[in-house]
């Protein structure tokens, strides 16, 4: 049920003890865990050696400002560049979106990463935390490009995680630092922010990450703590059957439920399958609280495990990769000049 952050670039004995806890279902890696492609691949191998069976190694490798692994990997333009291209050439934008997603996922799979938490399907409507991570302000354009991203990720052997449900792009606050409130009605959200989520779920998105945003016209609780949002809307109305992931319990907007144990309890009660404890400072407290809960079922975790992992050498020799890199570099240049 927990996906935990690690402090360093290699495992120590305390990390090994944490990985042995049944309630720990995976790890999420950050720039602090990265020196080089070879080093992070060795770290991933050591994690795999500690836990057999379904166990998730995750990262945020979206492109643009949120790309944890840089040196030795393709510099991925932000998703906003795809939306900008769509305004000029919709057909080309759909093709580049699929290539962007394939390239990101193929590189991550080649080093043993199961999931990059992507794509962002929030609307580009001014949120400070989202910014150029969003594809576009128009929900129909976001849907079109997000479905291309899903196709590209699947071709590379990676499941998709659409985020941040039910939409984080239309509030100004950054939930890493502040509480965020969206006063719109569910009817308003259905024809705007919810559109890309509904379309991606219909296309078979395997995971959904919740937003730490409160929508008081729908429920008094933030979405990740809300049975209304998870049971009634996400699973009931939209028919989602995959895994629900609560965003980082260490974020400021997650603090409304109280201490770490209370946050975990509230997420589980609301229907979240997996919870992120990204900061090493809260991992031990999170594990202590998680022991009171049933681990995530191995069969469900297996639906998010990566497939089709090429060697890095095989990927580097793939002429398709070189073509996609060139096209995305041109796109990035067009966006920034």
Protein backbone atom coordinates (compact mmCIF):
# COMPACT_ATOMS: atom_id res chain seq x y z
CA UNK A 1 0.00 0.00 0.00
CA UNK A 2 2.97 2.37 0.55
CA UNK A 3 5.32 3.65 -2.12
CA UNK A 4 8.25 5.09 -0.19
CA UNK A 5 11.07 7.50 -0.92
CA UNK A 6 14.71 6.58 -0.31
CA UNK A 7 17.35 8.92 1.04
CA UNK A 8 20.44 7.95 -0.93
CA UNK A 9 21.95 6.58 -4.09
CA UNK A 10 22.41 3.06 -2.75
CA UNK A 11 20.60 0.95 -0.19
CA UNK A 12 21.69 0.79 3.42
CA UNK A 13 20.57 -1.68 6.09
CA UNK A 14 17.70 0.55 7.21
CA UNK A 15 16.41 0.70 3.62
CA UNK A 16 16.57 -3.09 3.36
CA UNK A 17 14.53 -3.44 6.53
CA UNK A 18 11.91 -1.04 5.16
CA UNK A 19 11.69 -2.87 1.84
CA UNK A 20 11.00 -6.14 3.69
CA UNK A 21 7.76 -4.79 5.21
CA UNK A 22 4.76 -6.35 3.39
CA UNK A 23 2.86 -3.06 3.42
CA UNK A 24 5.63 -1.45 1.34
CA UNK A 25 4.52 -2.02 -2.25
CA UNK A 26 7.15 0.03 -4.03
CA UNK A 27 9.62 2.89 -4.06
CA UNK A 28 9.70 6.25 -5.81
CA UNK A 29 13.05 7.63 -6.94
CA UNK A 30 14.07 11.28 -7.17
CA UNK A 31 17.05 13.33 -8.35
CA UNK A 32 18.57 12.76 -4.90
CA UNK A 33 18.82 9.06 -5.81
CA UNK A 34 20.53 9.72 -9.13
CA UNK A 35 24.16 10.19 -10.16
CA UNK A 36 24.27 8.44 -13.51
CA UNK A 37 22.34 5.96 -15.60
CA UNK A 38 24.64 3.15 -14.52
CA UNK A 39 24.34 4.04 -10.85
CA UNK A 40 20.54 4.29 -10.82
CA UNK A 41 20.22 1.01 -12.76
CA UNK A 42 22.41 -0.65 -10.11
CA UNK A 43 20.22 0.86 -7.38
CA UNK A 44 17.10 -0.53 -9.06
CA UNK A 45 18.73 -3.96 -9.38
CA UNK A 46 19.54 -3.92 -5.66
CA UNK A 47 15.93 -3.01 -4.84
CA UNK A 48 14.72 -5.93 -6.98
CA UNK A 49 17.12 -8.24 -5.16
CA UNK A 50 15.48 -7.33 -1.85
CA UNK A 51 11.88 -7.89 -2.97
CA UNK A 52 10.70 -10.61 -5.33
CA UNK A 53 7.29 -10.77 -6.91
CA UNK A 54 5.24 -7.72 -7.85
CA UNK A 55 6.99 -4.64 -6.45
CA UNK A 56 6.88 -1.22 -8.10
CA UNK A 57 9.85 1.02 -8.85
CA UNK A 58 8.49 4.43 -9.77
CA UNK A 59 9.61 7.92 -10.78
CA UNK A 60 8.24 11.20 -12.11
CA UNK A 61 9.85 11.49 -15.54
CA UNK A 62 7.26 13.70 -17.21
CA UNK A 63 9.64 15.96 -19.13
CA UNK A 64 10.23 19.67 -18.81
CA UNK A 65 10.65 20.79 -15.18
CA UNK A 66 9.70 17.39 -13.75
CA UNK A 67 12.36 15.00 -15.05
CA UNK A 68 14.24 13.31 -12.20
CA UNK A 69 16.86 11.56 -14.35
CA UNK A 70 18.64 13.87 -16.79
CA UNK A 71 22.27 13.10 -17.59
CA UNK A 72 22.42 10.07 -19.89
CA UNK A 73 18.71 10.32 -20.78
CA UNK A 74 16.84 12.24 -23.45
CA UNK A 75 15.93 15.79 -22.50
CA UNK A 76 12.15 15.67 -22.80
CA UNK A 77 10.29 18.89 -23.62
CA UNK A 78 7.42 19.87 -21.31
CA UNK A 79 3.96 18.61 -22.19
CA UNK A 80 2.88 22.20 -22.84
CA UNK A 81 5.02 22.15 -25.99
CA UNK A 82 2.72 19.45 -27.38
CA UNK A 83 -0.31 21.62 -26.70
CA UNK A 84 1.35 24.58 -28.38
CA UNK A 85 2.05 22.43 -31.42
CA UNK A 86 -1.58 21.29 -31.44
CA UNK A 87 -2.65 24.91 -31.92
CA UNK A 88 -0.57 24.97 -35.13
CA UNK A 89 -0.81 21.38 -36.37
CA UNK A 90 -3.13 18.99 -34.48
CA UNK A 91 -2.10 15.88 -36.41
CA UNK A 92 1.60 16.47 -35.80
CA UNK A 93 0.93 17.12 -32.10
CA UNK A 94 -0.80 13.78 -31.67
CA UNK A 95 2.13 12.02 -33.35
CA UNK A 96 4.70 13.87 -31.20
CA UNK A 97 2.71 13.08 -28.03
CA UNK A 98 2.86 9.37 -28.75
CA UNK A 99 6.58 9.59 -29.53
CA UNK A 100 7.29 11.64 -26.38
CA UNK A 101 5.53 9.06 -24.23
CA UNK A 102 7.15 6.09 -25.96
CA UNK A 103 10.63 7.59 -25.59
CA UNK A 104 10.16 8.42 -21.91
CA UNK A 105 8.70 5.01 -21.10
CA UNK A 106 11.20 3.04 -23.20
CA UNK A 107 14.16 4.70 -21.47
CA UNK A 108 12.67 4.07 -18.05
CA UNK A 109 11.88 0.45 -18.85
CA UNK A 110 15.43 -0.08 -20.11
CA UNK A 111 16.77 0.63 -16.60
CA UNK A 112 14.05 -1.31 -14.77
CA UNK A 113 11.55 1.42 -13.83
CA UNK A 114 7.97 0.12 -13.80
CA UNK A 115 6.04 3.38 -13.66
CA UNK A 116 6.63 6.99 -14.47
CA UNK A 117 3.60 8.72 -12.96
CA UNK A 118 2.30 10.14 -16.24
CA UNK A 119 0.62 11.67 -18.10
CA UNK A 120 -0.56 14.84 -16.40
CA UNK A 121 -4.11 15.47 -17.65
CA UNK A 122 -4.82 18.56 -15.55
CA UNK A 123 -5.92 21.57 -17.58
CA UNK A 124 -3.42 24.38 -18.23
CA UNK A 125 -5.39 27.07 -16.45
CA UNK A 126 -2.80 28.79 -14.30
CA UNK A 127 -1.97 26.45 -11.42
CA UNK A 128 1.49 27.22 -10.01
CA UNK A 129 2.43 23.57 -9.45
CA UNK A 130 1.20 22.40 -12.84
CA UNK A 131 2.27 25.15 -15.24
CA UNK A 132 3.95 23.74 -18.36
CA UNK A 133 3.40 20.19 -17.07
CA UNK A 134 -0.14 20.48 -18.50
CA UNK A 135 -0.89 19.77 -22.14
CA UNK A 136 -3.46 22.48 -22.87
CA UNK A 137 -6.31 24.54 -21.42
CA UNK A 138 -8.96 22.92 -23.63
CA UNK A 139 -10.17 19.60 -22.17
CA UNK A 140 -10.82 18.14 -25.62
CA UNK A 141 -7.24 18.86 -26.71
CA UNK A 142 -5.92 17.39 -23.45
CA UNK A 143 -7.95 14.23 -24.08
CA UNK A 144 -6.67 13.86 -27.62
CA UNK A 145 -3.03 14.27 -26.62
CA UNK A 146 -3.34 12.22 -23.43
CA UNK A 147 -4.73 9.25 -25.37
CA UNK A 148 -1.70 9.48 -27.66
CA UNK A 149 0.50 9.43 -24.55
CA UNK A 150 -1.26 6.30 -23.33
CA UNK A 151 -0.62 4.60 -26.66
CA UNK A 152 3.07 5.50 -26.58
CA UNK A 153 3.58 4.32 -23.02
CA UNK A 154 1.88 1.01 -23.68
CA UNK A 155 3.97 0.41 -26.79
CA UNK A 156 7.01 0.76 -24.51
CA UNK A 157 5.61 -1.63 -21.88
CA UNK A 158 4.49 0.89 -19.25
CA UNK A 159 1.10 1.37 -17.62
CA UNK A 160 -0.38 4.87 -17.47
CA UNK A 161 -1.11 6.91 -14.35
CA UNK A 162 -3.42 9.83 -15.09
CA UNK A 163 -3.19 12.68 -12.61
CA UNK A 164 -4.35 14.60 -10.57
CA UNK A 165 -8.00 13.52 -10.27
CA UNK A 166 -10.46 15.21 -10.50
CA UNK A 167 -8.31 18.08 -11.83
CA UNK A 168 -5.65 20.29 -10.28
CA UNK A 169 -5.14 22.77 -13.10
CA UNK A 170 -7.95 25.23 -12.37
CA UNK A 171 -6.91 26.35 -8.88
CA UNK A 172 -3.95 28.66 -8.26
CA UNK A 173 -2.50 27.08 -5.11
CA UNK A 174 0.46 24.69 -5.15
CA UNK A 175 -0.63 21.83 -2.85
CA UNK A 176 2.98 21.10 -1.95
CA UNK A 177 2.80 24.27 0.17
CA UNK A 178 -0.85 25.34 0.56
CA UNK A 179 -4.36 24.01 0.85
CA UNK A 180 -6.31 24.33 -2.40
CA UNK A 181 -10.05 24.85 -2.80
CA UNK A 182 -12.06 24.65 -6.02
CA UNK A 183 -15.58 25.97 -5.49
CA UNK A 184 -17.12 24.71 -8.74
CA UNK A 185 -19.99 22.25 -8.89
CA UNK A 186 -19.70 18.66 -10.06
CA UNK A 187 -21.75 19.63 -13.11
CA UNK A 188 -19.17 22.28 -14.01
CA UNK A 189 -16.30 19.85 -13.49
CA UNK A 190 -17.97 17.20 -15.67
CA UNK A 191 -17.71 19.44 -18.74
CA UNK A 192 -14.19 20.68 -18.03
CA UNK A 193 -11.54 19.10 -15.81
CA UNK A 194 -13.14 15.65 -15.68
CA UNK A 195 -13.29 15.23 -19.47
CA UNK A 196 -9.69 14.01 -20.00
CA UNK A 197 -9.96 11.64 -17.03
CA UNK A 198 -13.19 10.13 -18.34
CA UNK A 199 -11.71 9.65 -21.80
CA UNK A 200 -8.46 8.12 -20.51
CA UNK A 201 -10.38 5.77 -18.21
CA UNK A 202 -12.53 4.66 -21.14
CA UNK A 203 -9.26 3.99 -23.00
CA UNK A 204 -8.12 1.74 -20.16
CA UNK A 205 -5.78 3.87 -18.01
CA UNK A 206 -4.40 1.53 -15.37
CA UNK A 207 -3.95 3.98 -12.46
CA UNK A 208 -5.30 7.31 -11.27
CA UNK A 209 -3.48 9.65 -8.88
CA UNK A 210 -5.68 11.82 -6.68
CA UNK A 211 -5.38 15.57 -6.13
CA UNK A 212 -4.95 17.10 -2.69
CA UNK A 213 -7.63 19.62 -3.65
CA UNK A 214 -10.95 20.21 -1.88
CA UNK A 215 -14.13 20.71 -3.91
CA UNK A 216 -16.63 21.80 -1.21
CA UNK A 217 -19.62 21.75 -3.57
CA UNK A 218 -18.99 17.99 -3.94
CA UNK A 219 -17.47 16.97 -0.57
CA UNK A 220 -15.91 18.74 2.41
CA UNK A 221 -12.85 16.44 2.28
CA UNK A 222 -9.94 16.75 -0.17
CA UNK A 223 -10.39 14.41 -3.12
CA UNK A 224 -7.83 11.83 -1.98
CA UNK A 225 -9.63 11.48 1.37
CA UNK A 226 -13.11 11.43 -0.17
CA UNK A 227 -15.29 8.38 -0.72
CA UNK A 228 -17.58 10.63 -2.75
CA UNK A 229 -14.84 11.30 -5.28
CA UNK A 230 -13.30 7.82 -5.27
CA UNK A 231 -16.29 5.50 -4.83
CA UNK A 232 -19.14 7.51 -6.29
CA UNK A 233 -17.51 9.52 -9.07
CA UNK A 234 -14.28 7.76 -10.06
CA UNK A 235 -15.35 4.14 -9.63
CA UNK A 236 -19.13 4.54 -9.86
CA UNK A 237 -19.82 7.22 -12.47
CA UNK A 238 -16.62 6.82 -14.54
CA UNK A 239 -16.30 3.05 -14.10
CA UNK A 240 -12.62 3.04 -13.15
CA UNK A 241 -11.39 -0.43 -12.10
CA UNK A 242 -7.66 0.17 -11.80
CA UNK A 243 -5.53 1.29 -8.85
CA UNK A 244 -6.13 4.58 -7.05
CA UNK A 245 -2.99 6.32 -5.83
CA UNK A 246 -3.03 8.98 -3.13
CA UNK A 247 -0.61 11.84 -3.77
CA UNK A 248 2.29 12.42 -1.38
CA UNK A 249 1.09 12.36 2.23
CA UNK A 250 3.92 14.74 3.14
CA UNK A 251 2.50 17.65 1.12
CA UNK A 252 1.09 20.64 2.97
CA UNK A 253 -2.39 20.15 1.51
CA UNK A 254 -2.45 16.61 2.93
CA UNK A 255 -2.10 17.87 6.51
CA UNK A 256 -5.79 18.66 6.99
CA UNK A 257 -6.43 15.14 8.33
CA UNK A 258 -3.84 15.47 11.09
CA UNK A 259 -0.71 13.37 11.72
CA UNK A 260 0.71 10.77 9.33
CA UNK A 261 -1.28 7.86 10.77
CA UNK A 262 -4.53 9.77 10.40
CA UNK A 263 -3.73 10.66 6.80
CA UNK A 264 -3.03 7.03 5.93
CA UNK A 265 -6.21 5.89 7.65
CA UNK A 266 -8.26 8.50 5.79
CA UNK A 267 -6.79 7.60 2.39
CA UNK A 268 -7.42 3.89 2.95
CA UNK A 269 -10.95 4.51 4.20
CA UNK A 270 -11.67 6.60 1.11
CA UNK A 271 -10.58 3.79 -1.21
CA UNK A 272 -6.95 4.51 -2.16
CA UNK A 273 -4.94 1.41 -3.05
CA UNK A 274 -1.46 2.97 -2.91
CA UNK A 275 -0.09 5.93 -0.96
CA UNK A 276 3.04 7.98 -1.59
CA UNK A 277 5.40 8.73 1.29
CA UNK A 278 8.07 10.57 -0.68
CA UNK A 279 10.14 12.24 2.02
CA UNK A 280 12.57 9.92 3.84
CA UNK A 281 11.75 11.91 6.99
CA UNK A 282 8.21 10.47 7.13
CA UNK A 283 8.87 6.95 5.84
CA UNK A 284 9.36 5.18 9.18
CA UNK A 285 6.30 6.83 10.71
CA UNK A 286 4.31 5.94 7.59
CA UNK A 287 5.41 2.29 7.72
CA UNK A 288 4.50 2.08 11.42
CA UNK A 289 1.00 3.36 10.62
CA UNK A 290 0.63 1.19 7.51
CA UNK A 291 1.25 -2.03 9.47
CA UNK A 292 -2.34 -1.78 10.73
CA UNK A 293 -3.63 -2.21 7.19
CA UNK A 294 -3.75 -5.05 4.68
CA UNK A 295 -1.00 -4.89 2.02
CA UNK A 296 -2.04 -4.18 -1.55
CA UNK A 297 -2.91 -7.44 -3.31
CA UNK A 298 -0.06 -8.82 -5.39
CA UNK A 299 -2.36 -9.45 -8.36
CA UNK A 300 -3.36 -5.78 -8.42
CA UNK A 301 0.23 -4.59 -8.14
CA UNK A 302 1.14 -6.85 -11.04
CA UNK A 303 -1.17 -4.83 -13.33
CA UNK A 304 1.21 -1.87 -12.95
CA UNK A 305 4.48 -3.74 -13.41
CA UNK A 306 6.45 -2.95 -16.50
CA UNK A 307 6.86 -5.24 -19.50
CA UNK A 308 9.00 -5.35 -22.64
CA UNK A 309 12.19 -4.17 -20.98
CA UNK A 310 14.96 -3.84 -23.61
CA UNK A 311 18.60 -3.53 -22.68
CA UNK A 312 19.93 0.00 -22.87
CA UNK A 313 22.22 -1.06 -25.71
CA UNK A 314 19.28 -2.41 -27.71
CA UNK A 315 17.34 0.79 -27.11
CA UNK A 316 20.32 2.94 -28.10
CA UNK A 317 20.63 0.98 -31.34
CA UNK A 318 16.96 1.47 -32.20
CA UNK A 319 16.72 3.95 -35.11
CA UNK A 320 13.17 4.83 -34.06
CA UNK A 321 14.57 6.30 -30.84
CA UNK A 322 16.98 8.55 -32.73
CA UNK A 323 14.18 9.76 -34.98
CA UNK A 324 11.93 10.57 -32.04
CA UNK A 325 14.76 12.37 -30.21
CA UNK A 326 15.37 14.59 -33.24
CA UNK A 327 11.69 15.42 -33.65
CA UNK A 328 11.25 16.28 -29.96
CA UNK A 329 14.42 18.39 -29.94
CA UNK A 330 13.01 20.40 -32.84
CA UNK A 331 9.71 20.75 -30.97
CA UNK A 332 11.51 21.97 -27.86
CA UNK A 333 13.48 24.52 -29.89
CA UNK A 334 10.29 25.82 -31.52
CA UNK A 335 8.67 26.22 -28.10
CA UNK A 336 11.54 28.08 -26.44
CA UNK A 337 12.56 30.43 -29.28
